[in-house]
C-alpha atoms as a PDB file:
ATOM      1  CA  MET A   1     106.306 129.313  95.643  1.00  0.00           C
ATOM      2  CA  ALA A   2     103.759 126.792  94.313  1.00  0.00           C
ATOM      3  CA  MET A   3     104.048 123.111  95.097  1.00  0.00           C
ATOM      4  CA  GLU A   4     104.739 120.737  92.250  1.00  0.00           C
ATOM      5  CA  PRO A   5     102.081 118.064  91.723  1.00  0.00           C
ATOM      6  CA  THR A   6     103.184 114.703  93.044  1.00  0.00           C
ATOM      7  CA  LYS A   7     103.850 111.840  90.682  1.00  0.00           C
ATOM      8  CA  PRO A   8     101.170 109.109  90.946  1.00  0.00           C
ATOM      9  CA  ARG A   9     102.258 106.113  93.027  1.00  0.00           C
ATOM     10  CA  VAL A  10     102.514 102.811  91.211  1.00  0.00           C
ATOM     11  CA  TRP A  11     100.103 100.179  92.520  1.00  0.00           C
ATOM     12  CA  SER A  12     101.889  97.211  94.082  1.00  0.00           C
ATOM     13  CA  GLU A  13     100.698  93.646  93.493  1.00  0.00           C
ATOM     14  CA  GLU A  14      99.664  93.459  97.159  1.00  0.00           C
ATOM     15  CA  GLU A  15      97.561  96.632  96.848  1.00  0.00           C
ATOM     16  CA  ILE A  16      95.851  95.308  93.723  1.00  0.00           C
ATOM     17  CA  LYS A  17      95.074  91.966  95.405  1.00  0.00           C
ATOM     18  CA  LEU A  18      93.658  93.773  98.437  1.00  0.00           C
ATOM     19  CA  LEU A  19      91.581  96.087  96.213  1.00  0.00           C
ATOM     20  CA  ILE A  20      90.098  93.053  94.424  1.00  0.00           C
ATOM     21  CA  GLU A  21      89.392  91.287  97.709  1.00  0.00           C
ATOM     22  CA  LEU A  22      87.737  94.337  99.288  1.00  0.00           C
ATOM     23  CA  ALA A  23      85.704  95.027  96.135  1.00  0.00           C
ATOM     24  CA  HIS A  24      84.377  91.444  96.264  1.00  0.00           C
ATOM     25  CA  LEU A  25      83.395  92.113  99.885  1.00  0.00           C
ATOM     26  CA  LYS A  26      81.367  95.090  98.573  1.00  0.00           C
ATOM     27  CA  MET A  27      83.373  97.691 100.493  1.00  0.00           C
ATOM     28  CA  SER A  28      82.914 101.280  99.376  1.00  0.00           C
ATOM     29  CA  ALA A  29      85.609 103.243  97.552  1.00  0.00           C
ATOM     30  CA  PRO A  30      86.135 105.608 100.528  1.00  0.00           C
ATOM     31  CA  ALA A  31      86.607 102.654 102.904  1.00  0.00           C
ATOM     32  CA  ILE A  32      89.050 100.948 100.528  1.00  0.00           C
ATOM     33  CA  ALA A  33      90.928 104.211  99.978  1.00  0.00           C
ATOM     34  CA  LYS A  34      91.315 104.696 103.710  1.00  0.00           C
ATOM     35  CA  GLN A  35      92.637 101.161 104.167  1.00  0.00           C
ATOM     36  CA  LEU A  36      95.102 101.508 101.282  1.00  0.00           C
ATOM     37  CA  GLY A  37      96.154 105.074 102.118  1.00  0.00           C
ATOM     38  CA  ARG A  38      95.139 106.296  98.655  1.00  0.00           C
ATOM     39  CA  HIS A  39      92.792 108.906  97.231  1.00  0.00           C
ATOM     40  CA  ILE A  40      89.199 107.823  96.574  1.00  0.00           C
ATOM     41  CA  ALA A  41      89.503 108.788  92.903  1.00  0.00           C
ATOM     42  CA  SER A  42      92.622 106.623  92.584  1.00  0.00           C
ATOM     43  CA  VAL A  43      90.784 103.621  94.011  1.00  0.00           C
ATOM     44  CA  ARG A  44      87.785 104.169  91.728  1.00  0.00           C
ATOM     45  CA  ARG A  45      90.033 104.591  88.685  1.00  0.00           C
ATOM     46  CA  ARG A  46      92.017 101.389  89.371  1.00  0.00           C
ATOM     47  CA  ALA A  47      88.837  99.432  90.139  1.00  0.00           C
ATOM     48  CA  HIS A  48      87.372 100.584  86.824  1.00  0.00           C
ATOM     49  CA  GLN A  49      90.571  99.590  84.987  1.00  0.00           C
ATOM     50  CA  LEU A  50      90.343  96.136  86.571  1.00  0.00           C
ATOM     51  CA  GLY A  51      86.645  95.797  85.700  1.00  0.00           C
ATOM     52  CA  LEU A  52      85.563  95.825  89.355  1.00  0.00           C
ATOM     53  CA  LEU A  53      82.253  97.237  90.498  1.00  0.00           C
ATOM     54  CA  LEU A  54      82.310  99.267  93.692  1.00  0.00           C
ATOM     55  CA  PRO A  55      79.095 100.116  95.508  1.00  0.00           C
ATOM     56  CA  ALA A  56      77.832 103.663  95.253  1.00  0.00           C
ATOM     57  CA  GLY A  57      77.611 105.519  98.509  1.00  0.00           C
ATOM     58  CA  ARG A  58      79.609 105.535 101.676  1.00  0.00           C
ATOM     59  CA  ARG A  59      77.926 102.843 103.791  1.00  0.00           C
ATOM     60  CA  GLU A  60      79.651  99.623 104.734  1.00  0.00           C
ATOM     61  CA  PRO A  61      78.137  96.239 103.705  1.00  0.00           C
ATOM     62  CA  GLN A  62      76.615  95.542 107.143  1.00  0.00           C
ATOM     63  CA  GLU A  63      74.830  98.908 107.154  1.00  0.00           C
ATOM     64  CA  ARG A  64      73.617  98.330 103.589  1.00  0.00           C
ATOM     65  CA  ALA A  65      72.225  94.897 104.494  1.00  0.00           C
ATOM     66  CA  GLN A  66      70.347  96.305 107.478  1.00  0.00           C
ATOM     67  CA  ALA A  67      68.988  99.207 105.438  1.00  0.00           C
ATOM     68  CA  GLY A  68      67.943  96.838 102.636  1.00  0.00           C
ATOM     69  CA  SER A  69      65.756  94.806 104.960  1.00  0.00           C
ATOM     70  CA  MET A  70      63.852  97.934 106.008  1.00  0.00           C
ATOM     71  CA  ASN A  71      63.562  99.480 102.542  1.00  0.00           C
ATOM     72  CA  PRO A  72      62.414  97.115  99.802  1.00  0.00           C
ATOM     73  CA  PRO A  73      63.612  97.997  96.295  1.00  0.00           C
ATOM     74  CA  ARG A  74      61.423 100.355  94.349  1.00  0.00           C
ATOM     75  CA  VAL A  75      59.804  99.018  91.221  1.00  0.00           C
ATOM     76  CA  MET A  76      58.756 101.153  88.302  1.00  0.00           C
ATOM     77  CA  LEU A  77      55.873  99.792  86.315  1.00  0.00           C
ATOM     78  CA  ILE A  78      55.866 100.543  82.613  1.00  0.00           C
ATOM     79  CA  SER A  79      52.662 100.273  80.695  1.00  0.00           C
ATOM     80  CA  ASN A  80      52.677  99.186  77.068  1.00  0.00           C
ATOM     81  CA  ARG A  81      49.235 100.623  76.459  1.00  0.00           C
ATOM     82  CA  HIS A  82      49.054 103.529  74.032  1.00  0.00           C
END
């Protein structure tokens, strides 16, 4: 016997406030999902609906800051000469 798909849980006001707060702290979707007890896709979908930007990748902000100091951003030079 196959299992019926579960009905999506409604987001509470507290969950939405926490999602906004954690997104502003630049936490990753997997970290937020773990804290909220929700699927990663659910967190990404709600963040998108709220107009929030979540960082790509799975590193936490502290790790990202340390990595950023060792790896300067890459710059692509574009020439206008023909």
